[in-house]
Amino acid sequence: MGRRWKESLGRVSSDRLILMSATLAEGAFIWDAHAGFELRCINDLKILQTWKNAGINFVSINVGYDVNEWHKTIENLSYARDWVSKTKGYRLAGTVKEIDEAVADADMAVAFDIEGAKALNDSIEMVRIYYDLGVRQMLFAYNINNAAGGGCHDEDSGLTAFGRSVVSEMNDVGMMVDCSHCGYRTTLEIMENSRDPVVFSHSNARKLWDHERNICDEQAIRCANTGGVVGVNGISQFTGDREVKISSMVAHIEYYLTLIGDEHVGIGLDYFQQSDAGSGFEETVSGNTSYWPKHQYQSEGLRCVDPPQIIKIGEELLRRNYQETTVEKILGGNFRRVAEQVWK
């Protein structure tokens, strides 16, 4: 925990409501496990200023998902690497040590993630290639089945032989294995096959909101048993709150704290700019009903908690009398721990 946050907490220990957002942002180590802004917008990564201004230390940027062809992931990754490496205030980071070096220089550390094994183009060798290009996290199937496994909106066929090879290769190279968006059976089989801790980078509790993208208790418990982390997202469709209130996201965090303990809960906002919807994302969703079934994605559209609200999530947890050490783990410590174990 940062020194200035500790000092502030010491001054107001009898009344945590006094805790200020600016002090928390400056003192806490904050890790956003998944930024989900629509890929049409990746050609202008100035959106990352939203995270940097919020005091976030590390963010994982999505550079591809199964909706797109695999070569689009390569194009996005190439541009994103170039932008981050050339833009003041940001730094590519492939290890926790490199994240710490970036933070020490007041830079925001950035790595990349991929949503779905379609990006591998049926080639196991692509795992190492992506790792060498800065991808540190990958999930297996984006909502529907693919060559690696089953999606959460599909008849889940389970982890395939190719999928098992992908798990093994990800373990070998040091890439974080992510189960978000995957089907129930596939997630359990991924966790059975992985030698490393497994994460759900951005998956909420189905017990609180019955959506196919959310996960059941057994999935969260199995994840924790691997030593992994479940990241809570702030998307209205998955929190069950059209108004996108902080309290709704905190409710999912609290549920997981009770279910799996404070060593296994984190944040993966899955944030996209609200203007993204107007630029075509809603049309993408409505035009691809296999990936986004109409009965699961209602007409009010997608809205989400934005990065500056992460600090307020920490404050709200303190208001609810959670210990500072617990808040510290949720804001970034838990995902950091898994990265230290997995990344090479």
Protein backbone atom coordinates (compact mmCIF):
# COMPACT_ATOMS: atom_id res chain seq x y z
CA MET A 1 0.00 0.00 0.00
CA GLY A 2 1.26 3.49 -0.88
CA ARG A 3 2.68 5.61 1.96
CA ARG A 4 0.34 8.58 1.40
CA TRP A 5 -2.74 6.37 1.50
CA LYS A 6 -1.54 4.78 4.75
CA GLU A 7 -0.93 8.19 6.27
CA SER A 8 -4.42 9.34 5.27
CA LEU A 9 -6.01 6.22 6.69
CA GLY A 10 -4.10 6.73 9.92
CA ARG A 11 -5.50 10.24 10.27
CA VAL A 12 -9.11 9.19 9.63
CA SER A 13 -9.24 5.66 11.01
CA SER A 14 -12.23 6.61 13.16
CA ASP A 15 -14.15 7.87 10.16
CA ARG A 16 -13.29 6.33 6.80
CA LEU A 17 -15.91 8.45 5.09
CA ILE A 18 -13.36 11.29 5.10
CA LEU A 19 -11.01 9.37 2.80
CA MET A 20 -10.37 11.42 -0.35
CA SER A 21 -10.29 10.03 -3.89
CA ALA A 22 -7.10 11.85 -4.81
CA THR A 23 -5.17 10.40 -1.88
CA LEU A 24 -6.41 6.90 -2.62
CA ALA A 25 -5.50 7.21 -6.30
CA GLU A 26 -2.00 8.40 -5.51
CA GLY A 27 -1.30 5.78 -2.87
CA ALA A 28 -2.93 2.55 -4.05
CA PHE A 29 -1.58 0.20 -6.72
CA ILE A 30 -4.41 -0.20 -9.24
CA TRP A 31 -4.68 -2.94 -11.87
CA ASP A 32 -7.47 -3.03 -14.47
CA ALA A 33 -7.41 -6.56 -15.88
CA HIS A 34 -9.34 -5.78 -19.06
CA ALA A 35 -10.10 -2.66 -21.08
CA GLY A 36 -12.82 -3.51 -23.57
CA PHE A 37 -13.15 -0.43 -25.75
CA GLU A 38 -14.41 -1.28 -29.22
CA LEU A 39 -11.65 -2.23 -31.61
CA ARG A 40 -12.66 0.36 -34.16
CA CYS A 41 -11.26 2.87 -31.68
CA ILE A 42 -7.87 1.30 -31.17
CA ASN A 43 -6.46 3.54 -33.91
CA ASP A 44 -6.73 6.40 -31.46
CA LEU A 45 -5.38 5.20 -28.15
CA LYS A 46 -5.71 8.63 -26.61
CA ILE A 47 -8.60 6.98 -24.78
CA LEU A 48 -5.93 5.57 -22.45
CA GLN A 49 -5.66 9.02 -20.91
CA THR A 50 -8.92 8.13 -19.15
CA TRP A 51 -7.10 5.40 -17.22
CA LYS A 52 -3.96 7.43 -16.65
CA ASN A 53 -5.87 10.44 -15.32
CA ALA A 54 -7.66 8.10 -12.90
CA GLY A 55 -4.36 7.06 -11.34
CA ILE A 56 -4.47 3.50 -12.67
CA ASN A 57 -1.02 1.90 -12.73
CA PHE A 58 -1.60 -0.98 -15.13
CA VAL A 59 -4.20 -1.79 -17.77
CA SER A 60 -4.57 -4.75 -20.11
CA ILE A 61 -5.83 -3.65 -23.53
CA ASN A 62 -7.93 -5.96 -25.66
CA VAL A 63 -6.41 -6.18 -29.15
CA GLY A 64 -8.62 -8.85 -30.68
CA TYR A 65 -11.72 -11.00 -30.28
CA ASP A 66 -13.31 -13.86 -32.17
CA VAL A 67 -15.76 -11.59 -33.99
CA ASN A 68 -12.84 -10.38 -36.12
CA GLU A 69 -10.52 -12.35 -38.39
CA TRP A 70 -7.20 -13.35 -36.84
CA HIS A 71 -5.13 -10.99 -38.98
CA LYS A 72 -7.05 -8.01 -37.54
CA THR A 73 -5.60 -8.92 -34.14
CA ILE A 74 -2.09 -8.69 -35.57
CA GLU A 75 -2.88 -5.29 -37.10
CA ASN A 76 -4.34 -3.96 -33.85
CA LEU A 77 -1.43 -5.28 -31.83
CA SER A 78 1.13 -3.75 -34.16
CA TYR A 79 -0.49 -0.31 -33.97
CA ALA A 80 -1.02 -0.48 -30.21
CA ARG A 81 2.61 -1.45 -29.56
CA ASP A 82 3.80 1.41 -31.72
CA TRP A 83 1.49 3.96 -30.07
CA VAL A 84 2.32 2.96 -26.49
CA SER A 85 6.06 2.81 -27.10
CA LYS A 86 6.12 6.27 -28.69
CA THR A 87 3.70 8.14 -26.44
CA LYS A 88 4.97 9.93 -23.34
CA GLY A 89 3.46 8.73 -20.09
CA TYR A 90 2.91 5.12 -21.16
CA ARG A 91 5.12 2.06 -21.17
CA LEU A 92 4.89 -1.48 -22.50
CA ALA A 93 5.33 -3.93 -19.62
CA GLY A 94 5.76 -7.67 -19.84
CA THR A 95 6.83 -8.34 -16.25
CA VAL A 96 5.80 -7.05 -12.85
CA LYS A 97 9.30 -5.58 -12.52
CA GLU A 98 8.68 -3.53 -15.66
CA ILE A 99 5.34 -2.38 -14.26
CA ASP A 100 7.09 -1.19 -11.10
CA GLU A 101 9.70 0.64 -13.18
CA ALA A 102 6.94 2.38 -15.14
CA VAL A 103 5.12 3.40 -11.96
CA ALA A 104 8.36 4.75 -10.47
CA ASP A 105 8.67 7.02 -13.52
CA ALA A 106 5.00 8.10 -13.31
CA ASP A 107 4.15 6.14 -16.48
CA MET A 108 1.12 3.90 -16.86
CA ALA A 109 2.09 0.32 -17.68
CA VAL A 110 0.29 -1.42 -20.55
CA ALA A 111 0.06 -5.00 -21.76
CA PHE A 112 -2.36 -6.70 -24.12
CA ASP A 113 -5.00 -9.41 -24.05
CA ILE A 114 -6.93 -11.43 -26.63
CA GLU A 115 -10.53 -12.60 -26.38
CA GLY A 116 -10.74 -15.93 -28.14
CA ALA A 117 -8.47 -18.49 -29.77
CA LYS A 118 -9.61 -17.59 -33.27
CA ALA A 119 -6.67 -15.19 -33.20
CA LEU A 120 -4.35 -18.22 -33.24
CA ASN A 121 -5.51 -19.22 -36.73
CA ASP A 122 -5.37 -22.89 -35.64
CA SER A 123 -1.62 -22.60 -35.00
CA ILE A 124 -0.25 -23.33 -31.54
CA GLU A 125 2.93 -21.44 -32.47
CA MET A 126 0.94 -18.20 -32.44
CA VAL A 127 0.78 -18.32 -28.63
CA ARG A 128 4.50 -17.63 -28.32
CA ILE A 129 4.41 -15.05 -31.11
CA TYR A 130 1.68 -13.12 -29.31
CA TYR A 131 3.55 -13.43 -26.02
CA ASP A 132 6.68 -11.97 -27.61
CA LEU A 133 4.56 -9.07 -28.91
CA GLY A 134 3.27 -8.24 -25.44
CA VAL A 135 0.10 -10.32 -25.00
CA ARG A 136 0.00 -11.49 -21.39
CA GLN A 137 -3.56 -12.82 -21.14
CA MET A 138 -5.88 -14.76 -23.44
CA LEU A 139 -9.31 -16.32 -23.10
CA PHE A 140 -10.43 -19.27 -25.18
CA ALA A 141 -13.85 -18.63 -26.72
CA TYR A 142 -15.67 -15.33 -27.11
CA ASN A 143 -19.31 -16.24 -26.34
CA ILE A 144 -19.61 -19.01 -28.97
CA ASN A 145 -17.70 -22.20 -29.72
CA ASN A 146 -14.44 -22.19 -31.65
CA ALA A 147 -11.55 -24.56 -32.31
CA ALA A 148 -10.35 -24.35 -28.69
CA GLY A 149 -13.53 -24.67 -26.66
CA GLY A 150 -17.07 -23.63 -25.90
CA GLY A 151 -18.58 -20.20 -25.40
CA CYS A 152 -21.05 -19.03 -22.77
CA HIS A 153 -23.84 -18.38 -25.33
CA ASP A 154 -23.43 -21.70 -27.15
CA GLU A 155 -23.93 -25.43 -26.66
CA ASP A 156 -20.71 -25.85 -24.75
CA SER A 157 -18.71 -28.70 -26.29
CA GLY A 158 -15.92 -28.42 -23.74
CA LEU A 159 -12.19 -27.88 -24.14
CA THR A 160 -10.94 -29.48 -27.36
CA ALA A 161 -7.65 -31.28 -27.95
CA PHE A 162 -6.39 -28.07 -29.55
CA GLY A 163 -7.61 -26.14 -26.53
CA ARG A 164 -5.68 -28.41 -24.19
CA SER A 165 -2.55 -27.76 -26.24
CA VAL A 166 -3.22 -24.03 -26.00
CA VAL A 167 -3.47 -24.23 -22.20
CA SER A 168 -0.16 -26.11 -22.03
CA GLU A 169 1.58 -23.67 -24.36
CA MET A 170 0.27 -20.66 -22.44
CA ASN A 171 1.63 -22.20 -19.24
CA ASP A 172 4.97 -22.81 -20.94
CA VAL A 173 5.42 -19.28 -22.28
CA GLY A 174 3.99 -17.49 -19.24
CA MET A 175 0.67 -16.17 -20.53
CA MET A 176 -2.23 -15.77 -18.10
CA VAL A 177 -5.07 -18.24 -18.79
CA ASP A 178 -8.43 -16.42 -18.82
CA CYS A 179 -11.86 -18.12 -18.64
CA SER A 180 -14.15 -15.12 -19.18
CA HIS A 181 -16.73 -15.49 -21.99
CA CYS A 182 -16.25 -19.28 -22.03
CA GLY A 183 -18.89 -21.92 -21.35
CA TYR A 184 -19.28 -23.64 -17.99
CA ARG A 185 -17.83 -27.01 -19.03
CA THR A 186 -14.96 -25.41 -20.92
CA THR A 187 -13.94 -23.28 -17.94
CA LEU A 188 -13.84 -26.28 -15.61
CA GLU A 189 -11.75 -28.26 -18.09
CA ILE A 190 -9.38 -25.33 -18.59
CA MET A 191 -8.85 -25.16 -14.84
CA GLU A 192 -8.28 -28.91 -14.65
CA ASN A 193 -5.61 -28.71 -17.34
CA SER A 194 -3.73 -25.56 -16.33
CA ARG A 195 -0.60 -25.88 -14.20
CA ASP A 196 -0.74 -22.17 -13.36
CA PRO A 197 -3.40 -20.08 -11.61
CA VAL A 198 -6.35 -19.28 -13.87
CA VAL A 199 -8.38 -16.04 -13.92
CA PHE A 200 -11.77 -14.75 -14.95
CA SER A 201 -10.58 -11.29 -15.95
CA HIS A 202 -14.05 -9.74 -16.19
CA SER A 203 -16.91 -11.97 -15.01
CA ASN A 204 -19.68 -11.14 -12.54
CA ALA A 205 -21.72 -13.38 -10.24
CA ARG A 206 -24.63 -15.20 -11.85
CA LYS A 207 -26.21 -15.71 -8.44
CA LEU A 208 -26.76 -11.94 -8.28
CA TRP A 209 -27.75 -11.41 -11.91
CA ASP A 210 -28.80 -14.34 -14.09
CA HIS A 211 -26.99 -13.59 -17.33
CA GLU A 212 -25.16 -16.20 -19.39
CA ARG A 213 -22.01 -14.06 -19.39
CA ASN A 214 -21.87 -14.21 -15.60
CA ILE A 215 -20.42 -17.23 -13.81
CA CYS A 216 -21.82 -19.62 -11.23
CA ASP A 217 -20.43 -20.24 -7.77
CA GLU A 218 -18.63 -23.45 -8.74
CA GLN A 219 -16.66 -21.68 -11.47
CA ALA A 220 -15.53 -18.96 -9.07
CA ILE A 221 -14.61 -21.48 -6.38
CA ARG A 222 -12.64 -23.64 -8.83
CA CYS A 223 -10.82 -20.52 -10.02
CA ALA A 224 -9.87 -19.60 -6.47
CA ASN A 225 -8.69 -23.16 -5.89
CA THR A 226 -6.14 -22.71 -8.69
CA GLY A 227 -4.83 -19.64 -6.88
CA GLY A 228 -6.50 -17.38 -9.41
CA VAL A 229 -8.61 -14.21 -9.37
CA VAL A 230 -12.12 -13.29 -10.49
CA GLY A 231 -12.29 -9.75 -11.87
CA VAL A 232 -15.59 -7.89 -11.53
CA ASN A 233 -16.69 -5.75 -14.49
CA GLY A 234 -18.84 -2.64 -14.53
CA ILE A 235 -21.07 -3.29 -17.54
CA SER A 236 -24.77 -2.67 -16.92
CA GLN A 237 -25.90 -5.84 -18.67
CA PHE A 238 -23.84 -7.92 -16.24
CA THR A 239 -24.23 -6.00 -12.98
CA GLY A 240 -28.01 -5.92 -13.43
CA ASP A 241 -28.17 -2.16 -13.00
CA ARG A 242 -29.19 0.07 -15.91
CA GLU A 243 -28.05 3.16 -14.02
CA VAL A 244 -24.51 1.81 -13.60
CA LYS A 245 -24.24 2.61 -9.92
CA ILE A 246 -21.03 1.90 -8.03
CA SER A 247 -23.07 0.06 -5.41
CA SER A 248 -24.15 -2.56 -7.96
CA MET A 249 -20.57 -3.37 -8.91
CA VAL A 250 -19.58 -3.44 -5.24
CA ALA A 251 -22.41 -5.92 -4.61
CA HIS A 252 -20.71 -8.40 -6.96
CA ILE A 253 -17.36 -7.76 -5.27
CA GLU A 254 -18.91 -8.38 -1.85
CA TYR A 255 -20.54 -11.57 -3.06
CA TYR A 256 -17.19 -12.92 -4.23
CA LEU A 257 -15.48 -11.83 -1.03
CA THR A 258 -17.90 -13.98 0.93
CA LEU A 259 -17.70 -16.88 -1.54
CA ILE A 260 -13.97 -17.13 -2.29
CA GLY A 261 -12.14 -14.71 0.01
CA ASP A 262 -10.18 -11.51 -0.45
CA GLU A 263 -7.16 -13.21 -2.07
CA HIS A 264 -9.18 -14.00 -5.18
CA VAL A 265 -11.17 -10.88 -6.14
CA GLY A 266 -10.08 -8.09 -8.48
CA ILE A 267 -11.32 -5.61 -11.08
CA GLY A 268 -11.58 -5.93 -14.85
CA LEU A 269 -13.82 -3.03 -15.82
CA ASP A 270 -14.30 -3.99 -19.50
CA TYR A 271 -14.75 -0.25 -20.02
CA PHE A 272 -15.55 1.30 -23.38
CA GLN A 273 -16.25 4.96 -24.05
CA GLN A 274 -19.96 5.65 -24.15
CA SER A 275 -19.36 7.29 -27.52
CA ASP A 276 -18.18 3.93 -28.83
CA ALA A 277 -21.78 2.77 -28.90
CA GLY A 278 -22.73 5.67 -31.11
CA SER A 279 -19.79 4.95 -33.42
CA GLY A 280 -21.09 1.49 -34.30
CA PHE A 281 -20.68 -0.91 -31.39
CA GLU A 282 -24.43 -1.26 -30.80
CA GLU A 283 -24.81 -2.02 -34.50
CA THR A 284 -22.08 -4.66 -34.17
CA VAL A 285 -23.97 -6.29 -31.29
CA SER A 286 -27.37 -6.19 -32.97
CA GLY A 287 -25.90 -7.48 -36.23
CA ASN A 288 -24.14 -10.50 -34.69
CA THR A 289 -26.84 -12.31 -32.75
CA SER A 290 -24.81 -15.52 -32.50
CA TYR A 291 -22.19 -13.68 -30.42
CA TRP A 292 -24.75 -11.47 -28.65
CA PRO A 293 -28.17 -13.24 -28.49
CA LYS A 294 -31.07 -10.79 -28.43
CA HIS A 295 -32.63 -12.38 -25.35
CA GLN A 296 -29.41 -11.66 -23.43
CA TYR A 297 -28.66 -8.15 -24.72
CA GLN A 298 -31.60 -5.83 -24.30
CA SER A 299 -32.42 -2.70 -26.24
CA GLU A 300 -31.24 -0.18 -23.64
CA GLY A 301 -27.67 -0.75 -24.83
CA LEU A 302 -24.45 -1.25 -22.95
CA ARG A 303 -23.24 1.20 -20.33
CA CYS A 304 -20.37 0.81 -17.93
CA VAL A 305 -18.57 2.12 -14.87
CA ASP A 306 -15.65 4.26 -16.03
CA PRO A 307 -12.01 4.11 -14.84
CA PRO A 308 -12.17 7.10 -12.44
CA GLN A 309 -14.81 5.19 -10.49
CA ILE A 310 -12.30 2.50 -9.45
CA ILE A 311 -11.16 4.81 -6.66
CA LYS A 312 -14.75 5.23 -5.52
CA ILE A 313 -15.11 1.45 -5.44
CA GLY A 314 -12.24 1.37 -2.95
CA GLU A 315 -13.84 4.11 -0.89
CA GLU A 316 -17.19 2.33 -0.88
CA LEU A 317 -15.57 -0.86 0.39
CA LEU A 318 -13.94 1.12 3.19
CA ARG A 319 -17.30 2.66 4.05
CA ARG A 320 -18.61 -0.87 4.40
CA ASN A 321 -15.87 -1.56 6.95
CA TYR A 322 -13.59 -3.74 4.84
CA GLN A 323 -9.97 -3.65 5.94
CA GLU A 324 -7.45 -1.55 4.03
CA THR A 325 -5.48 -4.71 3.20
CA THR A 326 -8.56 -6.24 1.59
CA VAL A 327 -9.21 -3.14 -0.52
CA GLU A 328 -5.56 -3.10 -1.56
CA LYS A 329 -5.80 -6.69 -2.82
CA ILE A 330 -8.98 -6.02 -4.78
CA LEU A 331 -7.72 -2.84 -6.46
CA GLY A 332 -4.61 -4.52 -7.80
CA GLY A 333 -2.70 -6.73 -5.41
CA ASN A 334 -4.37 -9.99 -6.36
CA PHE A 335 -3.91 -9.72 -10.13
CA ARG A 336 -0.36 -8.54 -9.50
CA ARG A 337 0.30 -11.68 -7.45
CA VAL A 338 -0.93 -13.95 -10.23
CA ALA A 339 1.17 -12.08 -12.79
CA GLU A 340 4.23 -12.57 -10.61
CA GLN A 341 3.51 -16.30 -10.57
CA VAL A 342 2.69 -16.70 -14.27
CA TRP A 343 4.53 -14.17 -16.42
CA LYS A 344 8.08 -15.03 -17.48
